[in-house]
N, C-alpha and C. Protein backbone atom coordinates (compact mmCIF):
# COMPACT_ATOMS: atom_id res chain seq x y z
N MET A 1 12.70 2.52 5.45
CA MET A 1 13.38 1.61 6.40
C MET A 1 13.17 0.22 5.76
N ASN A 2 14.36 -0.52 5.94
CA ASN A 2 14.30 -1.91 5.57
C ASN A 2 13.50 -2.83 6.48
N LEU A 3 12.92 -3.83 5.91
CA LEU A 3 11.91 -4.70 6.61
C LEU A 3 12.11 -6.17 6.21
N ILE A 4 12.12 -7.04 7.27
CA ILE A 4 12.13 -8.48 7.11
C ILE A 4 10.70 -9.01 7.53
N ILE A 5 10.22 -9.93 6.70
CA ILE A 5 8.98 -10.68 7.06
C ILE A 5 9.36 -11.94 7.68
N VAL A 6 8.99 -12.31 8.92
CA VAL A 6 9.09 -13.72 9.46
C VAL A 6 7.84 -14.44 9.26
N GLY A 7 7.99 -15.51 8.50
CA GLY A 7 6.82 -16.30 8.15
C GLY A 7 6.74 -16.40 6.60
N ALA A 8 6.20 -17.60 6.18
CA ALA A 8 6.07 -17.83 4.72
C ALA A 8 4.90 -18.59 4.36
N GLY A 9 3.71 -18.26 4.96
CA GLY A 9 2.47 -18.82 4.77
C GLY A 9 1.46 -17.83 4.20
N ASP A 10 0.14 -18.14 4.21
CA ASP A 10 -0.81 -17.31 3.62
C ASP A 10 -0.88 -15.88 4.26
N TYR A 11 -0.78 -15.80 5.49
CA TYR A 11 -0.83 -14.54 6.23
C TYR A 11 0.26 -13.75 5.79
N ALA A 12 1.57 -14.20 5.66
CA ALA A 12 2.73 -13.50 5.20
C ALA A 12 2.51 -12.94 3.84
N GLU A 13 1.94 -13.85 3.00
CA GLU A 13 1.74 -13.36 1.53
C GLU A 13 0.84 -12.23 1.42
N VAL A 14 -0.29 -12.26 2.24
CA VAL A 14 -1.15 -11.17 2.21
C VAL A 14 -0.60 -9.91 2.87
N ALA A 15 0.18 -10.12 3.92
CA ALA A 15 0.78 -8.93 4.54
C ALA A 15 1.80 -8.25 3.60
N ILE A 16 2.56 -9.00 2.84
CA ILE A 16 3.46 -8.45 1.88
C ILE A 16 2.71 -7.58 0.92
N HIS A 17 1.56 -8.18 0.46
CA HIS A 17 0.84 -7.42 -0.50
C HIS A 17 0.34 -6.04 -0.09
N TYR A 18 -0.18 -6.01 1.10
CA TYR A 18 -0.55 -4.69 1.69
C TYR A 18 0.54 -3.80 2.10
N LEU A 19 1.59 -4.34 2.58
CA LEU A 19 2.82 -3.58 2.99
C LEU A 19 3.39 -2.86 1.64
N LYS A 20 3.43 -3.50 0.54
CA LYS A 20 3.90 -2.99 -0.73
C LYS A 20 2.91 -2.02 -1.25
N ALA A 21 1.65 -2.12 -1.08
CA ALA A 21 0.73 -1.24 -1.54
C ALA A 21 0.57 0.11 -0.71
N GLU A 22 0.77 -0.07 0.60
CA GLU A 22 0.43 0.96 1.57
C GLU A 22 1.66 1.71 2.14
N THR A 23 2.83 1.10 1.99
CA THR A 23 3.97 1.70 2.74
C THR A 23 5.17 1.87 1.84
N ASP A 24 6.21 2.50 2.45
CA ASP A 24 7.52 2.58 1.71
C ASP A 24 8.54 1.71 2.17
N TYR A 25 8.09 0.68 3.03
CA TYR A 25 9.16 -0.27 3.45
C TYR A 25 9.94 -1.00 2.23
N ASN A 26 11.14 -1.09 2.37
CA ASN A 26 12.00 -1.89 1.45
C ASN A 26 12.10 -3.34 2.09
N ILE A 27 11.27 -4.16 1.55
CA ILE A 27 11.27 -5.59 2.12
C ILE A 27 12.38 -6.32 1.45
N LEU A 28 13.23 -6.65 2.34
CA LEU A 28 14.52 -7.27 1.86
C LEU A 28 14.44 -8.81 1.70
N ALA A 29 13.62 -9.46 2.55
CA ALA A 29 13.63 -10.97 2.59
C ALA A 29 12.50 -11.46 3.51
N VAL A 30 12.25 -12.78 3.30
CA VAL A 30 11.33 -13.47 4.20
C VAL A 30 12.28 -14.46 5.06
N SER A 31 11.91 -14.60 6.30
CA SER A 31 12.79 -15.48 7.15
C SER A 31 11.90 -16.51 7.77
N VAL A 32 12.46 -17.68 7.75
CA VAL A 32 11.83 -18.86 8.47
C VAL A 32 12.79 -19.65 9.20
N GLU A 33 12.38 -20.50 10.17
CA GLU A 33 13.30 -21.30 10.83
C GLU A 33 14.10 -22.30 9.89
N GLU A 34 15.24 -22.80 10.31
CA GLU A 34 16.07 -23.56 9.38
C GLU A 34 15.30 -24.74 8.85
N SER A 35 14.48 -25.37 9.72
CA SER A 35 13.80 -26.62 9.42
C SER A 35 12.74 -26.43 8.44
N PHE A 36 12.38 -25.17 8.12
CA PHE A 36 11.36 -24.86 7.18
C PHE A 36 11.85 -24.35 5.82
N LEU A 37 13.27 -24.26 5.80
CA LEU A 37 13.83 -23.70 4.46
C LEU A 37 13.77 -24.76 3.44
N PRO A 38 13.35 -24.38 2.24
CA PRO A 38 13.21 -25.37 1.14
C PRO A 38 14.57 -25.87 0.72
N GLN A 39 14.57 -27.12 0.14
CA GLN A 39 15.73 -27.63 -0.34
C GLN A 39 15.49 -28.09 -1.79
N PRO A 40 16.37 -27.84 -2.73
CA PRO A 40 17.69 -27.18 -2.53
C PRO A 40 17.65 -25.68 -2.41
N ALA A 41 18.74 -25.01 -2.16
CA ALA A 41 18.76 -23.59 -1.94
C ALA A 41 18.17 -22.74 -2.96
N GLU A 42 18.18 -23.25 -4.20
CA GLU A 42 17.61 -22.53 -5.30
C GLU A 42 16.10 -22.26 -5.22
N LEU A 43 15.49 -23.09 -4.38
CA LEU A 43 14.01 -22.89 -4.18
C LEU A 43 13.62 -21.87 -3.12
N ARG A 44 14.69 -21.31 -2.51
CA ARG A 44 14.40 -20.45 -1.37
C ARG A 44 14.01 -19.00 -1.82
N GLN A 45 12.70 -18.94 -2.39
CA GLN A 45 12.10 -17.76 -2.85
C GLN A 45 10.63 -17.73 -2.28
N PHE A 46 10.09 -16.62 -1.87
CA PHE A 46 8.74 -16.45 -1.52
C PHE A 46 8.22 -15.07 -2.00
N CYS A 47 7.16 -14.96 -2.75
CA CYS A 47 6.67 -13.66 -3.23
C CYS A 47 7.75 -12.92 -3.90
N GLY A 48 8.67 -13.58 -4.52
CA GLY A 48 9.76 -12.95 -5.22
C GLY A 48 10.92 -12.40 -4.36
N LEU A 49 10.78 -12.82 -3.02
CA LEU A 49 11.89 -12.39 -2.04
C LEU A 49 12.73 -13.56 -1.68
N PRO A 50 13.99 -13.32 -1.42
CA PRO A 50 14.79 -14.40 -0.89
C PRO A 50 14.31 -14.94 0.50
N MET A 51 14.50 -16.22 0.81
CA MET A 51 14.27 -16.79 2.06
C MET A 51 15.63 -16.94 2.87
N VAL A 52 15.67 -16.50 4.12
CA VAL A 52 16.85 -16.54 4.95
C VAL A 52 16.48 -17.34 6.26
N LYS A 53 17.57 -17.80 6.83
CA LYS A 53 17.40 -18.51 8.07
C LYS A 53 17.08 -17.63 9.21
N PHE A 54 16.05 -17.90 9.99
CA PHE A 54 15.60 -17.12 11.21
C PHE A 54 16.66 -17.12 12.17
N GLU A 55 17.41 -18.20 12.39
CA GLU A 55 18.39 -18.31 13.47
C GLU A 55 19.59 -17.47 13.21
N ALA A 56 19.79 -16.99 11.93
CA ALA A 56 20.90 -16.21 11.52
C ALA A 56 20.53 -14.75 11.28
N LEU A 57 19.27 -14.34 11.67
CA LEU A 57 18.77 -12.97 11.21
C LEU A 57 19.67 -11.88 11.78
N GLN A 58 20.15 -12.01 13.02
CA GLN A 58 20.90 -10.88 13.57
C GLN A 58 22.28 -10.77 12.91
N GLU A 59 22.84 -11.87 12.40
CA GLU A 59 24.06 -11.93 11.65
C GLU A 59 23.96 -11.35 10.22
N LEU A 60 22.74 -11.57 9.71
CA LEU A 60 22.58 -11.10 8.34
C LEU A 60 22.16 -9.71 8.19
N TYR A 61 21.45 -9.12 9.12
CA TYR A 61 20.84 -7.78 9.05
C TYR A 61 21.23 -7.04 10.31
N ASP A 62 21.47 -5.78 10.24
CA ASP A 62 21.66 -4.91 11.39
C ASP A 62 20.34 -4.46 11.99
N PRO A 63 20.26 -4.86 13.27
CA PRO A 63 18.83 -4.42 13.99
C PRO A 63 18.77 -2.95 14.09
N GLU A 64 19.90 -2.21 13.99
CA GLU A 64 19.79 -0.74 13.98
C GLU A 64 19.06 -0.12 12.80
N HIS A 65 19.18 -0.89 11.64
CA HIS A 65 18.68 -0.41 10.32
C HIS A 65 17.61 -1.27 9.69
N THR A 66 17.17 -2.27 10.38
CA THR A 66 16.16 -3.26 9.89
C THR A 66 15.16 -3.52 10.89
N GLU A 67 13.86 -3.40 10.34
CA GLU A 67 12.67 -3.65 11.23
C GLU A 67 12.05 -5.00 10.78
N VAL A 68 11.21 -5.62 11.53
CA VAL A 68 10.59 -6.93 11.35
C VAL A 68 9.15 -6.88 11.63
N LEU A 69 8.43 -7.78 10.76
CA LEU A 69 7.12 -8.15 11.04
C LEU A 69 7.03 -9.68 11.06
N VAL A 70 6.58 -10.12 12.25
CA VAL A 70 6.41 -11.60 12.36
C VAL A 70 4.91 -11.85 11.75
N ALA A 71 4.84 -12.51 10.62
CA ALA A 71 3.61 -12.70 10.01
C ALA A 71 3.34 -14.26 9.98
N VAL A 72 2.89 -14.77 11.13
CA VAL A 72 2.65 -16.29 11.33
C VAL A 72 1.17 -16.37 11.76
N GLY A 73 0.45 -17.42 11.28
CA GLY A 73 -0.93 -17.60 11.62
C GLY A 73 -1.16 -18.00 12.95
N PRO A 74 -2.40 -18.41 13.23
CA PRO A 74 -2.98 -18.66 14.59
C PRO A 74 -2.81 -20.02 15.17
N GLY A 75 -1.97 -20.91 14.47
CA GLY A 75 -1.95 -22.21 14.95
C GLY A 75 -1.40 -22.43 16.32
N ARG A 76 -1.93 -23.34 16.99
CA ARG A 76 -1.56 -23.61 18.52
C ARG A 76 -1.88 -22.41 19.33
N VAL A 77 -3.06 -21.83 19.01
CA VAL A 77 -3.61 -20.57 19.62
C VAL A 77 -2.51 -19.47 19.67
N ASN A 78 -1.88 -19.35 18.58
CA ASN A 78 -0.93 -18.25 18.45
C ASN A 78 0.36 -18.37 19.09
N THR A 79 0.66 -19.47 19.69
CA THR A 79 1.86 -19.61 20.51
C THR A 79 3.18 -19.73 19.67
N THR A 80 3.12 -20.15 18.37
CA THR A 80 4.20 -20.09 17.41
C THR A 80 4.58 -18.73 17.18
N ARG A 81 3.57 -17.88 16.69
CA ARG A 81 3.77 -16.44 16.50
C ARG A 81 4.38 -15.75 17.70
N GLU A 82 3.79 -16.10 18.89
CA GLU A 82 4.27 -15.50 20.02
C GLU A 82 5.72 -15.81 20.32
N ARG A 83 6.18 -17.02 20.15
CA ARG A 83 7.51 -17.36 20.37
C ARG A 83 8.44 -16.60 19.45
N LEU A 84 8.20 -16.68 18.20
CA LEU A 84 8.99 -15.95 17.11
C LEU A 84 8.95 -14.45 17.42
N TYR A 85 7.89 -13.83 17.86
CA TYR A 85 7.85 -12.41 18.13
C TYR A 85 8.81 -12.17 19.24
N LEU A 86 8.82 -12.94 20.40
CA LEU A 86 9.65 -12.77 21.51
C LEU A 86 11.15 -12.99 21.13
N GLU A 87 11.37 -13.91 20.33
CA GLU A 87 12.82 -14.25 19.88
C GLU A 87 13.28 -13.14 18.94
N THR A 88 12.41 -12.60 18.10
CA THR A 88 12.87 -11.44 17.21
C THR A 88 13.21 -10.23 18.10
N ARG A 89 12.32 -9.99 19.04
CA ARG A 89 12.61 -8.82 20.06
C ARG A 89 13.96 -9.02 20.76
N ASP A 90 14.16 -10.26 21.24
CA ASP A 90 15.38 -10.56 21.97
C ASP A 90 16.61 -10.33 21.00
N LYS A 91 16.52 -10.60 19.70
CA LYS A 91 17.56 -10.28 18.89
C LYS A 91 17.97 -8.72 18.73
N GLY A 92 17.09 -7.97 19.28
CA GLY A 92 17.29 -6.44 19.12
C GLY A 92 16.61 -5.78 17.99
N PHE A 93 15.68 -6.46 17.33
CA PHE A 93 15.06 -5.90 16.17
C PHE A 93 13.76 -5.04 16.66
N ARG A 94 13.46 -3.97 15.99
CA ARG A 94 12.22 -3.32 16.35
C ARG A 94 11.17 -4.00 15.43
N LEU A 95 9.99 -4.19 16.10
CA LEU A 95 8.93 -4.86 15.33
C LEU A 95 7.82 -3.76 15.02
N ILE A 96 7.39 -3.77 13.76
CA ILE A 96 6.55 -2.76 13.29
C ILE A 96 5.12 -3.06 13.73
N LYS A 97 4.17 -2.18 13.50
CA LYS A 97 2.75 -2.44 13.51
C LYS A 97 2.20 -1.91 12.19
N PHE A 98 1.09 -2.37 11.63
CA PHE A 98 0.57 -1.85 10.39
C PHE A 98 -0.94 -1.76 10.57
N ILE A 99 -1.43 -0.59 10.21
CA ILE A 99 -2.88 -0.16 10.19
C ILE A 99 -3.21 0.30 8.83
N HIS A 100 -4.03 -0.52 8.15
CA HIS A 100 -4.47 -0.18 6.76
C HIS A 100 -5.15 1.10 6.73
N SER A 101 -4.89 1.80 5.60
CA SER A 101 -5.54 3.18 5.46
C SER A 101 -7.17 3.12 5.38
N GLN A 102 -7.67 1.86 5.14
CA GLN A 102 -9.07 1.86 5.12
C GLN A 102 -9.72 1.29 6.44
N ALA A 103 -8.86 1.09 7.48
CA ALA A 103 -9.42 0.70 8.81
C ALA A 103 -9.82 2.04 9.56
N HIS A 104 -10.78 1.86 10.37
CA HIS A 104 -11.22 3.06 11.21
C HIS A 104 -10.60 2.65 12.70
N VAL A 105 -9.57 3.43 12.98
CA VAL A 105 -8.94 3.24 14.27
C VAL A 105 -9.07 4.46 15.14
N ALA A 106 -9.74 4.51 16.18
CA ALA A 106 -9.93 5.67 16.86
C ALA A 106 -8.71 6.20 17.55
N ASP A 107 -7.80 5.45 17.96
CA ASP A 107 -6.54 5.86 18.55
C ASP A 107 -5.46 4.98 18.16
N PRO A 108 -4.67 5.18 17.09
CA PRO A 108 -3.60 4.23 16.65
C PRO A 108 -2.60 3.92 17.76
N THR A 109 -2.39 4.77 18.62
CA THR A 109 -1.39 4.49 19.77
C THR A 109 -1.84 3.36 20.62
N LYS A 110 -3.07 3.03 20.56
CA LYS A 110 -3.53 2.01 21.48
C LYS A 110 -3.48 0.59 20.74
N VAL A 111 -2.72 0.45 19.59
CA VAL A 111 -2.47 -0.78 18.93
C VAL A 111 -1.00 -1.10 19.19
N GLY A 112 -0.66 -2.26 19.63
CA GLY A 112 0.62 -2.73 19.93
C GLY A 112 1.53 -3.13 18.83
N GLU A 113 2.83 -3.30 19.10
CA GLU A 113 3.75 -3.60 18.12
C GLU A 113 3.46 -4.93 17.59
N ASN A 114 3.91 -5.17 16.43
CA ASN A 114 3.71 -6.46 15.57
C ASN A 114 2.19 -6.86 15.51
N SER A 115 1.38 -5.91 15.56
CA SER A 115 -0.08 -6.11 15.33
C SER A 115 -0.39 -5.62 13.89
N PHE A 116 -1.32 -6.28 13.21
CA PHE A 116 -1.56 -6.03 11.83
C PHE A 116 -3.02 -5.79 11.79
N VAL A 117 -3.55 -4.58 11.28
CA VAL A 117 -4.94 -4.21 11.18
C VAL A 117 -5.27 -4.21 9.77
N PHE A 118 -6.17 -5.02 9.33
CA PHE A 118 -6.52 -5.06 7.97
C PHE A 118 -7.59 -4.11 7.50
N PRO A 119 -7.89 -4.03 6.28
CA PRO A 119 -8.94 -3.09 5.82
C PRO A 119 -10.29 -3.31 6.45
N PHE A 120 -11.02 -2.20 6.72
CA PHE A 120 -12.44 -2.20 7.14
C PHE A 120 -12.51 -2.77 8.63
N VAL A 121 -11.38 -2.74 9.36
CA VAL A 121 -11.48 -3.05 10.74
C VAL A 121 -11.95 -1.87 11.44
N CYS A 122 -12.78 -1.98 12.53
CA CYS A 122 -13.19 -0.74 13.23
C CYS A 122 -12.76 -1.06 14.78
N LEU A 123 -11.99 -0.08 15.31
CA LEU A 123 -11.63 -0.11 16.67
C LEU A 123 -12.04 1.32 17.25
N GLU A 124 -13.24 1.12 18.00
CA GLU A 124 -13.85 2.21 18.52
C GLU A 124 -13.10 2.98 19.70
N PRO A 125 -13.51 4.16 20.11
CA PRO A 125 -12.87 4.91 21.18
C PRO A 125 -12.85 4.11 22.47
N GLY A 126 -11.66 4.22 23.16
CA GLY A 126 -11.53 3.39 24.38
C GLY A 126 -11.10 1.97 24.13
N SER A 127 -11.01 1.40 22.94
CA SER A 127 -10.57 0.16 22.77
C SER A 127 -9.05 0.00 22.73
N LEU A 128 -8.56 -1.09 23.03
CA LEU A 128 -7.18 -1.39 23.12
C LEU A 128 -6.77 -2.71 22.55
N VAL A 129 -5.75 -2.73 21.66
CA VAL A 129 -5.27 -3.94 21.12
C VAL A 129 -3.78 -4.11 21.59
N GLY A 130 -3.40 -5.34 22.06
CA GLY A 130 -2.06 -5.57 22.57
C GLY A 130 -1.14 -5.81 21.49
N ASN A 131 0.03 -6.35 21.91
CA ASN A 131 1.11 -6.65 20.94
C ASN A 131 0.84 -7.94 20.16
N ASN A 132 1.32 -8.14 18.96
CA ASN A 132 1.36 -9.34 18.28
C ASN A 132 0.02 -9.92 17.99
N CYS A 133 -0.94 -9.04 17.59
CA CYS A 133 -2.27 -9.44 17.27
C CYS A 133 -2.63 -9.27 15.77
N VAL A 134 -3.57 -10.02 15.28
CA VAL A 134 -3.91 -9.94 13.84
C VAL A 134 -5.45 -9.66 13.90
N LEU A 135 -5.83 -8.56 13.26
CA LEU A 135 -7.25 -8.28 13.13
C LEU A 135 -7.54 -8.23 11.62
N TRP A 136 -8.14 -9.24 11.24
CA TRP A 136 -8.46 -9.47 9.79
C TRP A 136 -9.79 -8.73 9.37
N SER A 137 -9.80 -8.59 8.16
CA SER A 137 -10.77 -7.61 7.43
C SER A 137 -12.14 -7.63 8.07
N GLY A 138 -12.62 -6.53 8.41
CA GLY A 138 -14.04 -6.46 8.80
C GLY A 138 -14.26 -6.76 10.39
N SER A 139 -13.28 -7.16 11.10
CA SER A 139 -13.43 -7.38 12.46
C SER A 139 -13.73 -6.08 13.11
N GLN A 140 -14.43 -6.16 14.35
CA GLN A 140 -14.78 -4.98 15.09
C GLN A 140 -14.58 -5.06 16.50
N ILE A 141 -13.97 -4.12 17.16
CA ILE A 141 -13.73 -4.03 18.52
C ILE A 141 -14.54 -2.78 19.09
N ALA A 142 -15.54 -3.01 19.85
CA ALA A 142 -16.37 -1.89 20.25
C ALA A 142 -15.83 -1.09 21.47
N HIS A 143 -16.37 -0.03 21.80
CA HIS A 143 -15.91 0.91 22.82
C HIS A 143 -15.40 0.22 24.19
N HIS A 144 -14.24 0.60 24.57
CA HIS A 144 -13.73 0.22 25.92
C HIS A 144 -13.52 -1.24 26.06
N SER A 145 -13.27 -1.97 25.02
CA SER A 145 -12.96 -3.33 24.99
C SER A 145 -11.44 -3.56 24.84
N VAL A 146 -10.92 -4.58 25.30
CA VAL A 146 -9.55 -4.96 25.24
C VAL A 146 -9.29 -6.28 24.58
N VAL A 147 -8.41 -6.27 23.63
CA VAL A 147 -7.85 -7.47 23.09
C VAL A 147 -6.35 -7.57 23.51
N GLU A 148 -6.08 -8.56 24.29
CA GLU A 148 -4.69 -8.82 24.80
C GLU A 148 -3.76 -9.33 23.77
N ASP A 149 -2.50 -9.47 24.32
CA ASP A 149 -1.37 -9.98 23.31
C ASP A 149 -1.83 -11.27 22.66
N ASN A 150 -1.15 -11.35 21.39
CA ASN A 150 -1.08 -12.63 20.79
C ASN A 150 -2.49 -13.25 20.38
N CYS A 151 -3.40 -12.38 19.93
CA CYS A 151 -4.72 -12.81 19.56
C CYS A 151 -4.82 -12.73 18.04
N PHE A 152 -5.85 -13.45 17.46
CA PHE A 152 -6.14 -13.48 16.02
C PHE A 152 -7.74 -13.48 15.90
N LEU A 153 -8.09 -12.32 15.23
CA LEU A 153 -9.53 -12.22 15.01
C LEU A 153 -9.69 -12.42 13.40
N ALA A 154 -10.49 -13.43 13.09
CA ALA A 154 -10.75 -13.75 11.66
C ALA A 154 -11.77 -12.58 11.12
N PRO A 155 -12.02 -12.66 9.74
CA PRO A 155 -12.84 -11.73 9.17
C PRO A 155 -14.21 -11.73 9.74
N GLY A 156 -14.65 -10.44 10.12
CA GLY A 156 -16.12 -10.26 10.58
C GLY A 156 -16.24 -10.62 12.11
N ALA A 157 -15.19 -10.84 12.80
CA ALA A 157 -15.28 -11.24 14.25
C ALA A 157 -15.73 -9.92 15.02
N ARG A 158 -16.61 -10.00 15.86
CA ARG A 158 -17.15 -8.80 16.64
C ARG A 158 -17.00 -8.94 18.15
N VAL A 159 -16.49 -7.92 18.72
CA VAL A 159 -16.31 -7.93 20.29
C VAL A 159 -17.20 -6.66 20.74
N SER A 160 -18.22 -6.85 21.59
CA SER A 160 -19.06 -5.77 21.99
C SER A 160 -18.45 -5.00 23.06
N GLY A 161 -19.02 -3.96 23.55
CA GLY A 161 -18.48 -2.97 24.45
C GLY A 161 -18.04 -3.50 25.87
N ARG A 162 -16.95 -2.99 26.28
CA ARG A 162 -16.47 -3.39 27.64
C ARG A 162 -16.30 -4.79 27.92
N SER A 163 -15.79 -5.59 26.86
CA SER A 163 -15.38 -6.89 26.95
C SER A 163 -13.85 -7.02 26.90
N THR A 164 -13.38 -8.17 27.28
CA THR A 164 -11.97 -8.48 27.29
C THR A 164 -11.80 -9.78 26.61
N ILE A 165 -10.82 -9.71 25.58
CA ILE A 165 -10.36 -11.01 25.02
C ILE A 165 -8.89 -11.13 25.58
N LYS A 166 -8.77 -12.21 26.49
CA LYS A 166 -7.49 -12.45 26.99
C LYS A 166 -6.42 -12.97 26.03
N SER A 167 -5.20 -13.23 26.44
CA SER A 167 -4.13 -13.49 25.53
C SER A 167 -4.33 -14.79 24.86
N ASN A 168 -3.85 -14.88 23.63
CA ASN A 168 -3.62 -16.10 22.85
C ASN A 168 -4.96 -16.75 22.41
N CYS A 169 -5.99 -15.83 22.16
CA CYS A 169 -7.25 -16.33 21.76
C CYS A 169 -7.44 -16.28 20.22
N PHE A 170 -8.28 -17.05 19.62
CA PHE A 170 -8.65 -17.11 18.27
C PHE A 170 -10.18 -16.92 18.13
N LEU A 171 -10.68 -15.88 17.49
CA LEU A 171 -12.06 -15.67 17.21
C LEU A 171 -12.40 -15.88 15.74
N GLY A 172 -13.17 -16.89 15.43
CA GLY A 172 -13.46 -17.30 14.07
C GLY A 172 -14.25 -16.31 13.38
N ILE A 173 -14.53 -16.57 12.03
CA ILE A 173 -15.14 -15.72 11.14
C ILE A 173 -16.65 -15.46 11.60
N ASN A 174 -17.03 -14.22 11.64
CA ASN A 174 -18.40 -13.93 12.09
C ASN A 174 -18.84 -14.29 13.45
N SER A 175 -17.87 -14.59 14.32
CA SER A 175 -18.03 -14.85 15.78
C SER A 175 -18.45 -13.57 16.50
N THR A 176 -19.23 -13.62 17.59
CA THR A 176 -19.69 -12.54 18.32
C THR A 176 -19.42 -12.74 19.88
N VAL A 177 -18.83 -11.75 20.45
CA VAL A 177 -18.77 -11.66 21.97
C VAL A 177 -19.55 -10.58 22.42
N ARG A 178 -20.55 -10.88 23.32
CA ARG A 178 -21.52 -9.81 23.68
C ARG A 178 -20.75 -8.88 24.77
N ASP A 179 -21.47 -7.82 25.15
CA ASP A 179 -20.87 -6.81 26.07
C ASP A 179 -20.51 -7.37 27.37
N HIS A 180 -19.63 -6.79 28.13
CA HIS A 180 -19.20 -7.19 29.52
C HIS A 180 -18.96 -8.68 29.63
N VAL A 181 -18.26 -9.21 28.71
CA VAL A 181 -17.85 -10.74 28.73
C VAL A 181 -16.34 -10.70 28.68
N THR A 182 -15.73 -11.64 29.34
CA THR A 182 -14.36 -12.05 29.34
C THR A 182 -14.22 -13.40 28.63
N VAL A 183 -13.46 -13.33 27.61
CA VAL A 183 -13.07 -14.60 26.82
C VAL A 183 -11.57 -14.95 27.43
N SER A 184 -11.45 -16.00 28.14
CA SER A 184 -10.30 -16.27 28.90
C SER A 184 -9.18 -16.77 27.95
N ASN A 185 -7.89 -16.89 28.52
CA ASN A 185 -6.80 -17.11 27.81
C ASN A 185 -6.90 -18.40 26.91
N ARG A 186 -6.33 -18.34 25.74
CA ARG A 186 -6.16 -19.46 24.81
C ARG A 186 -7.44 -20.14 24.47
N CYS A 187 -8.52 -19.35 24.32
CA CYS A 187 -9.75 -19.88 23.78
C CYS A 187 -9.82 -19.91 22.32
N ILE A 188 -10.59 -20.80 21.81
CA ILE A 188 -10.91 -20.89 20.30
C ILE A 188 -12.48 -20.66 20.20
N VAL A 189 -12.86 -19.61 19.59
CA VAL A 189 -14.27 -19.29 19.34
C VAL A 189 -14.59 -19.52 17.88
N GLY A 190 -15.37 -20.54 17.62
CA GLY A 190 -15.43 -21.01 16.27
C GLY A 190 -16.18 -20.11 15.37
N ALA A 191 -16.36 -20.34 14.07
CA ALA A 191 -17.04 -19.48 13.06
C ALA A 191 -18.50 -19.44 13.43
N GLY A 192 -19.01 -18.20 13.55
CA GLY A 192 -20.36 -17.93 13.81
C GLY A 192 -20.84 -18.14 15.28
N ALA A 193 -19.94 -18.43 16.22
CA ALA A 193 -20.36 -18.71 17.61
C ALA A 193 -20.65 -17.33 18.27
N VAL A 194 -21.66 -17.46 19.14
CA VAL A 194 -22.01 -16.31 20.05
C VAL A 194 -21.67 -16.54 21.44
N ILE A 195 -20.81 -15.78 22.07
CA ILE A 195 -20.37 -15.97 23.37
C ILE A 195 -21.20 -14.95 24.22
N LYS A 196 -21.93 -15.47 25.07
CA LYS A 196 -22.82 -14.65 25.97
C LYS A 196 -22.36 -14.53 27.39
N LYS A 197 -21.44 -15.36 27.82
CA LYS A 197 -20.93 -15.24 29.20
C LYS A 197 -19.46 -15.61 29.16
N ASP A 198 -18.81 -15.43 30.32
CA ASP A 198 -17.26 -15.56 30.48
C ASP A 198 -17.05 -17.05 30.00
N THR A 199 -15.89 -17.21 29.49
CA THR A 199 -15.46 -18.59 29.08
C THR A 199 -14.42 -19.13 30.06
N VAL A 200 -14.12 -20.40 29.79
CA VAL A 200 -13.08 -21.03 30.64
C VAL A 200 -11.76 -21.07 29.79
N ALA A 201 -10.63 -20.99 30.51
CA ALA A 201 -9.35 -20.95 29.90
C ALA A 201 -9.10 -22.15 29.05
N GLY A 202 -8.63 -21.97 27.74
CA GLY A 202 -8.38 -23.04 26.89
C GLY A 202 -9.59 -23.67 26.26
N GLY A 203 -10.71 -23.05 26.39
CA GLY A 203 -12.01 -23.59 25.92
C GLY A 203 -12.02 -23.55 24.39
N VAL A 204 -12.80 -24.47 23.79
CA VAL A 204 -13.06 -24.54 22.38
C VAL A 204 -14.59 -24.43 22.22
N TYR A 205 -15.15 -23.31 21.59
CA TYR A 205 -16.51 -23.10 21.54
C TYR A 205 -16.98 -23.12 20.10
N SER A 206 -18.13 -23.74 19.94
CA SER A 206 -18.73 -23.84 18.60
C SER A 206 -19.93 -22.92 18.42
N ALA A 207 -20.53 -22.97 17.30
CA ALA A 207 -21.62 -22.00 17.01
C ALA A 207 -22.92 -22.68 17.39
N THR A 208 -23.04 -23.55 18.31
CA THR A 208 -24.34 -24.14 18.60
C THR A 208 -24.87 -24.15 20.05
N PRO A 209 -25.21 -22.93 20.63
CA PRO A 209 -24.67 -21.64 20.37
C PRO A 209 -23.58 -21.37 21.38
N GLY A 210 -22.36 -21.09 20.96
CA GLY A 210 -21.30 -20.85 21.91
C GLY A 210 -20.99 -22.10 22.76
N CYS A 211 -21.24 -23.21 22.23
CA CYS A 211 -21.15 -24.50 23.06
C CYS A 211 -19.68 -24.87 23.31
N LEU A 212 -19.35 -25.17 24.58
CA LEU A 212 -17.99 -25.64 24.88
C LEU A 212 -17.74 -27.08 24.40
N LEU A 213 -16.86 -27.23 23.48
CA LEU A 213 -16.46 -28.51 22.80
C LEU A 213 -15.39 -29.27 23.65
N GLY A 214 -14.57 -28.56 24.30
CA GLY A 214 -13.44 -29.13 25.01
C GLY A 214 -12.63 -28.02 25.63
N GLN A 215 -11.51 -28.54 26.32
CA GLN A 215 -10.59 -27.57 26.94
C GLN A 215 -9.16 -27.80 26.59
N ASP A 216 -8.96 -28.15 25.30
CA ASP A 216 -7.57 -28.47 24.87
C ASP A 216 -7.29 -27.66 23.57
N SER A 217 -7.32 -26.31 23.71
CA SER A 217 -7.35 -25.47 22.53
C SER A 217 -6.02 -25.58 21.90
N ILE A 218 -4.88 -25.78 22.58
CA ILE A 218 -3.60 -25.68 21.98
C ILE A 218 -3.40 -26.84 20.98
N ASN A 219 -4.20 -28.00 21.20
CA ASN A 219 -4.09 -29.12 20.27
C ASN A 219 -5.29 -29.13 19.30
N THR A 220 -5.97 -28.09 19.18
CA THR A 220 -7.17 -28.00 18.27
C THR A 220 -6.66 -27.34 17.03
N LYS A 221 -6.87 -28.01 15.88
CA LYS A 221 -6.45 -27.38 14.56
C LYS A 221 -7.35 -26.13 14.32
N ILE A 222 -6.74 -24.93 13.95
CA ILE A 222 -7.44 -23.85 13.50
C ILE A 222 -7.43 -23.82 12.02
């Protein structure tokens, strides 16, 4: 099947590497919004692939025969990736999901579309991952825990049993969420932070220990 990658940053580069190594997808191009297209046109290459305008994607490629992965990072608590994901779906394209062969996923059907599961991720029985999520290498979701849509888990992030990560959250490298805890919408949990109780929506938490730094996550640089 033909595939388009939406995004041209570090995540997209790594995703292309794994997709080429692990799948039979024929990656046709990388797509970005017009304002991000390099000038002049001769510079429109990324990882050896042509770059095309996102706004014209439906005109350039047949949604019946082309699938898409939106591979955009966690900036603005994943809202840019969320918007592009929804716009791609509205264009009629099917969005893939990717689970690396070295990930341990108890039930692959419990991972949503446009989600990318890196090597050495562990999703235990009863866990659920929504649409448009990124689970980087070594992250762990314990039994009966839920990661809702549009989340990003950095390497080594850990979620204990029967916890919930609400939509549009970012969990930093080696962060920990204890069991029976809810991390509310649009939270940023910093590297090494330990979350022992429910968080407030839009909270930004540091590693000293899980301290609330503010409630303006969307304008906090990740």
